[in-house]
Each structure stands twice: as structure tokens, then as C-alpha cells.
Amino acid sequence: MSEHNAITPADFEELFLIWNRKIYYYALSKTNSTYIAEETVQRVFIKLWHNLHHNEVNIKIEAQLFCIAKSVLLDIIKEERRRESDTLNNDYPAIHHQTPLEVYRVKELEQQLDDIINKMPIARGTIFRMSRFENLSYKEIAQQLSISPKTVENHIGLALQTLKRAFYNFLLQITIIFIFF
């Protein structure tokens, strides 16, 4: 094979034939999605082609491939989460026309959730919001906050316990109001 900055299409095709299945199965093992696995392979080789022609990289191609694959796979998963979230948010009002009372109840529950989170210790509330509202993984949160993933997991567990207790009391109060009034 030629040097990195003088790679030919034939060299690149050889790389593709050697590595595409390995990258495909790597992505498939992480996601169980053939679509994401195929998309990962395509994007990895596009990025590799770009790197080999535009950068002076002195890293082994195998290392580059799996570094790129991991990065691309995370990007695709985040894109899919956003797309699913956007679809759910956009489809719900079209499928279910809410009455003013339902809109009020949803807003009341959202406000209650916000109040509960605001009463949590700052770190716990921040970690919960990053996990549930920004769709970040425990590892991503841990990296951003310079803490261990186990600490993130503990904070999420405590936050969920707090929410469960608070909403149980909230729903109990609402039930009592509807029964007696």
C-alpha cells in the first residue's frame, strides 16, 4: 500500500474490503441496528478518505478507523435520539388534540417537576436534567462534570426516588380532591 498522503483509489478499495465488515459488526454489536451499522461504515470511510487526503496523519490506519468508527457511531446515535424525540414532540399534538383542561394539567405537572428538580441539591438537579432533558449518557455527563459515571448513576437514582415520592404525594392529593369535591 502507498504512503498515507499518496493513497490511490485501489489502496482505499483494499482498505474498504479488509475493514468494512469489521466496522459493520462493531456498530451492529453496539446498536443492533443494521441501518446504523451500514451508515457507520459509510461515514467512517468518507472521513478516512478525507483524513488521508487532507491531513498529515501519522497514526496507523487501523487505529484511525476504530477511533473514527466510535466517534461516528456516537454521532449517529445522538442524531437518532434527536430525530425520535422531535418526531414524538411533533406527532403528539397532531394525533391527540388536547382540551384546555389537559393542557392545564400537563403544564401543572411540568411545573411540579421543575419545582421538585429545583429543590434537589444543585449537582443532582443538573445531572438529572443532563440525563433526561439533554439525553446525555452517564459517561458523557461524568466527562463534562469531571466525576465518575458511578456518581452520575447514584445521583440519577436518588433523583428518581425523590420524584417518585413527590409525584406519589401530588397524585394522592389530586385523587383526594376529585373524590371529595
Protein backbone atom coordinates (compact mmCIF):
# COMPACT_ATOMS: atom_id res chain seq x y z
CA MET A 1 0.00 0.00 0.00
CA SER A 2 1.16 3.54 -0.72
CA GLU A 3 2.00 6.14 1.92
CA HIS A 4 -0.96 7.89 3.58
CA ASN A 5 -0.72 11.13 1.63
CA ALA A 6 -0.32 9.29 -1.68
CA ILE A 7 -3.13 6.76 -1.30
CA THR A 8 -4.69 5.60 -4.53
CA PRO A 9 -8.29 4.57 -5.12
CA ALA A 10 -7.10 0.98 -5.39
CA ASP A 11 -5.39 1.24 -1.98
CA PHE A 12 -8.56 2.70 -0.50
CA GLU A 13 -10.69 -0.05 -2.02
CA GLU A 14 -8.34 -2.61 -0.45
CA LEU A 15 -8.77 -0.91 2.94
CA PHE A 16 -12.51 -0.96 2.49
CA LEU A 17 -12.56 -4.66 1.61
CA ILE A 18 -10.41 -5.51 4.64
CA TRP A 19 -12.18 -3.36 7.23
CA ASN A 20 -15.79 -2.67 6.25
CA ARG A 21 -17.25 -5.88 7.73
CA LYS A 22 -15.33 -5.42 11.00
CA ILE A 23 -16.66 -1.89 11.40
CA TYR A 24 -20.14 -3.01 10.39
CA TYR A 25 -20.20 -5.74 13.05
CA TYR A 26 -18.71 -3.38 15.64
CA ALA A 27 -21.57 -0.91 15.07
CA LEU A 28 -24.16 -3.70 14.88
CA SER A 29 -22.97 -5.15 18.20
CA LYS A 30 -23.39 -1.76 19.86
CA THR A 31 -26.80 -0.88 18.42
CA ASN A 32 -28.50 -3.99 16.99
CA SER A 33 -29.47 -1.80 14.03
CA THR A 34 -28.44 -2.75 10.50
CA TYR A 35 -29.30 0.77 9.33
CA ILE A 36 -26.97 2.38 11.88
CA ALA A 37 -24.24 -0.20 11.17
CA GLU A 38 -24.40 0.50 7.41
CA GLU A 39 -24.50 4.27 7.97
CA THR A 40 -21.49 3.99 10.29
CA VAL A 41 -19.44 2.13 7.67
CA GLN A 42 -20.24 4.73 5.01
CA ARG A 43 -19.39 7.70 7.21
CA VAL A 44 -16.23 6.08 8.57
CA PHE A 45 -14.78 5.54 5.12
CA ILE A 46 -15.78 9.02 3.95
CA LYS A 47 -13.96 10.51 6.95
CA LEU A 48 -10.97 8.22 6.43
CA TRP A 49 -10.74 9.27 2.77
CA HIS A 50 -10.86 12.91 3.83
CA ASN A 51 -8.21 12.35 6.53
CA LEU A 52 -5.88 10.53 4.18
CA HIS A 53 -6.08 13.28 1.55
CA HIS A 54 -6.24 16.42 3.66
CA ASN A 55 -4.30 15.72 6.83
CA GLU A 56 -0.80 14.62 7.54
CA VAL A 57 -1.73 11.89 9.99
CA ASN A 58 0.96 9.56 11.25
CA ILE A 59 -1.41 7.21 13.06
CA LYS A 60 -1.92 3.65 11.90
CA ILE A 61 -4.96 3.32 9.68
CA GLU A 62 -6.44 0.59 11.90
CA ALA A 63 -6.34 2.93 14.90
CA GLN A 64 -7.84 5.76 12.86
CA LEU A 65 -10.64 3.50 11.61
CA PHE A 66 -11.85 2.47 15.03
CA CYS A 67 -11.39 5.93 16.52
CA ILE A 68 -13.46 7.35 13.66
CA ALA A 69 -15.97 4.48 13.97
CA LYS A 70 -16.55 5.16 17.67
CA SER A 71 -17.00 8.88 17.05
CA VAL A 72 -19.30 8.37 14.06
CA LEU A 73 -21.38 5.79 15.91
CA LEU A 74 -21.93 8.18 18.84
CA ASP A 75 -22.90 10.95 16.42
CA ILE A 76 -25.41 8.72 14.64
CA ILE A 77 -26.95 7.54 17.91
CA LYS A 78 -27.35 11.15 19.08
CA GLU A 79 -28.92 12.09 15.72
CA GLU A 80 -31.36 9.18 16.01
CA ARG A 81 -32.31 10.17 19.58
CA ARG A 82 -32.94 13.75 18.47
CA ARG A 83 -34.95 12.59 15.46
CA GLU A 84 -37.07 10.27 17.62
CA SER A 85 -37.58 13.00 20.20
CA ASP A 86 -38.54 15.55 17.53
CA THR A 87 -40.93 13.07 15.93
CA LEU A 88 -42.63 12.34 19.24
CA ASN A 89 -42.89 16.03 20.09
CA ASN A 90 -44.24 16.93 16.66
CA ASP A 91 -46.60 13.97 16.31
CA TYR A 92 -48.28 14.13 19.69
CA PRO A 93 -50.31 17.31 19.15
CA ALA A 94 -51.38 16.12 15.68
CA ILE A 95 -52.56 12.75 16.98
CA HIS A 96 -54.16 13.96 20.19
CA HIS A 97 -55.93 17.28 20.35
CA GLN A 98 -55.68 18.38 23.93
CA THR A 99 -58.51 20.07 25.71
CA PRO A 100 -57.75 23.22 27.69
CA LEU A 101 -58.05 21.17 30.90
CA GLU A 102 -55.49 18.64 29.63
CA VAL A 103 -53.13 21.43 28.61
CA TYR A 104 -53.51 22.93 32.09
CA ARG A 105 -52.82 19.56 33.77
CA VAL A 106 -49.73 18.95 31.66
CA LYS A 107 -48.41 22.42 32.45
CA GLU A 108 -49.15 21.87 36.12
CA LEU A 109 -47.24 18.56 36.09
CA GLU A 110 -44.34 20.18 34.22
CA GLN A 111 -44.25 22.97 36.81
CA GLN A 112 -44.39 20.42 39.63
CA LEU A 113 -41.49 18.50 38.04
CA ASP A 114 -39.50 21.71 37.66
CA ASP A 115 -40.14 22.66 41.30
CA ILE A 116 -39.05 19.24 42.54
CA ILE A 117 -35.86 19.31 40.48
CA ASN A 118 -35.10 22.86 41.66
CA LYS A 119 -35.36 21.69 45.30
CA MET A 120 -32.79 18.93 44.75
CA PRO A 121 -29.13 19.57 45.53
CA ILE A 122 -27.68 21.55 42.62
CA ALA A 123 -25.44 18.73 41.35
CA ARG A 124 -28.30 16.20 41.43
CA GLY A 125 -30.69 18.50 39.59
CA THR A 126 -28.06 19.34 36.99
CA ILE A 127 -27.19 15.68 36.43
CA PHE A 128 -30.87 14.72 36.17
CA ARG A 129 -31.56 17.45 33.62
CA MET A 130 -28.49 16.47 31.56
CA SER A 131 -29.64 12.86 31.55
CA ARG A 132 -33.35 13.26 30.94
CA PHE A 133 -33.68 16.51 29.03
CA GLU A 134 -30.39 16.64 27.08
CA ASN A 135 -30.29 12.84 26.51
CA LEU A 136 -26.67 12.57 27.60
CA SER A 137 -25.30 9.23 28.72
CA TYR A 138 -23.92 8.74 32.21
CA LYS A 139 -20.42 8.63 30.71
CA GLU A 140 -20.93 11.91 28.82
CA ILE A 141 -22.25 13.60 31.96
CA ALA A 142 -19.36 12.24 34.01
CA GLN A 143 -16.85 13.59 31.48
CA GLN A 144 -18.47 17.02 31.34
CA LEU A 145 -18.66 17.34 35.13
CA SER A 146 -15.34 15.60 35.86
CA ILE A 147 -16.94 12.96 38.07
CA SER A 148 -17.24 9.19 37.85
CA PRO A 149 -20.08 7.50 35.95
CA LYS A 150 -20.97 5.71 39.20
CA THR A 151 -21.51 9.10 40.89
CA VAL A 152 -23.80 10.08 38.00
CA GLU A 153 -25.71 6.82 38.39
CA ASN A 154 -26.12 7.40 42.15
CA HIS A 155 -27.42 10.96 41.60
CA ILE A 156 -29.92 9.75 38.98
CA GLY A 157 -31.15 7.01 41.31
CA LEU A 158 -31.63 9.48 44.16
CA ALA A 159 -33.35 11.98 41.86
CA LEU A 160 -35.77 9.30 40.64
CA GLN A 161 -36.55 8.30 44.24
CA THR A 162 -37.26 11.94 45.07
CA LEU A 163 -39.54 12.32 42.04
CA LYS A 164 -41.37 9.09 42.78
CA ARG A 165 -42.12 10.19 46.37
CA ALA A 166 -43.09 13.71 45.33
CA PHE A 167 -45.38 12.64 42.49
CA TYR A 168 -46.97 9.96 44.63
CA ASN A 169 -47.92 12.64 47.18
CA PHE A 170 -49.03 15.01 44.41
CA LEU A 171 -51.24 12.40 42.74
CA LEU A 172 -52.64 11.34 46.10
CA GLN A 173 -53.70 14.94 46.80
CA ILE A 174 -55.33 15.28 43.37
CA THR A 175 -57.17 11.97 43.85
CA ILE A 176 -58.50 13.09 47.24
CA ILE A 177 -59.67 16.38 45.73
CA PHE A 178 -61.55 14.59 42.93
CA ILE A 179 -63.13 12.10 45.35
CA PHE A 180 -64.45 14.67 47.81
CA PHE A 181 -65.22 17.64 45.58
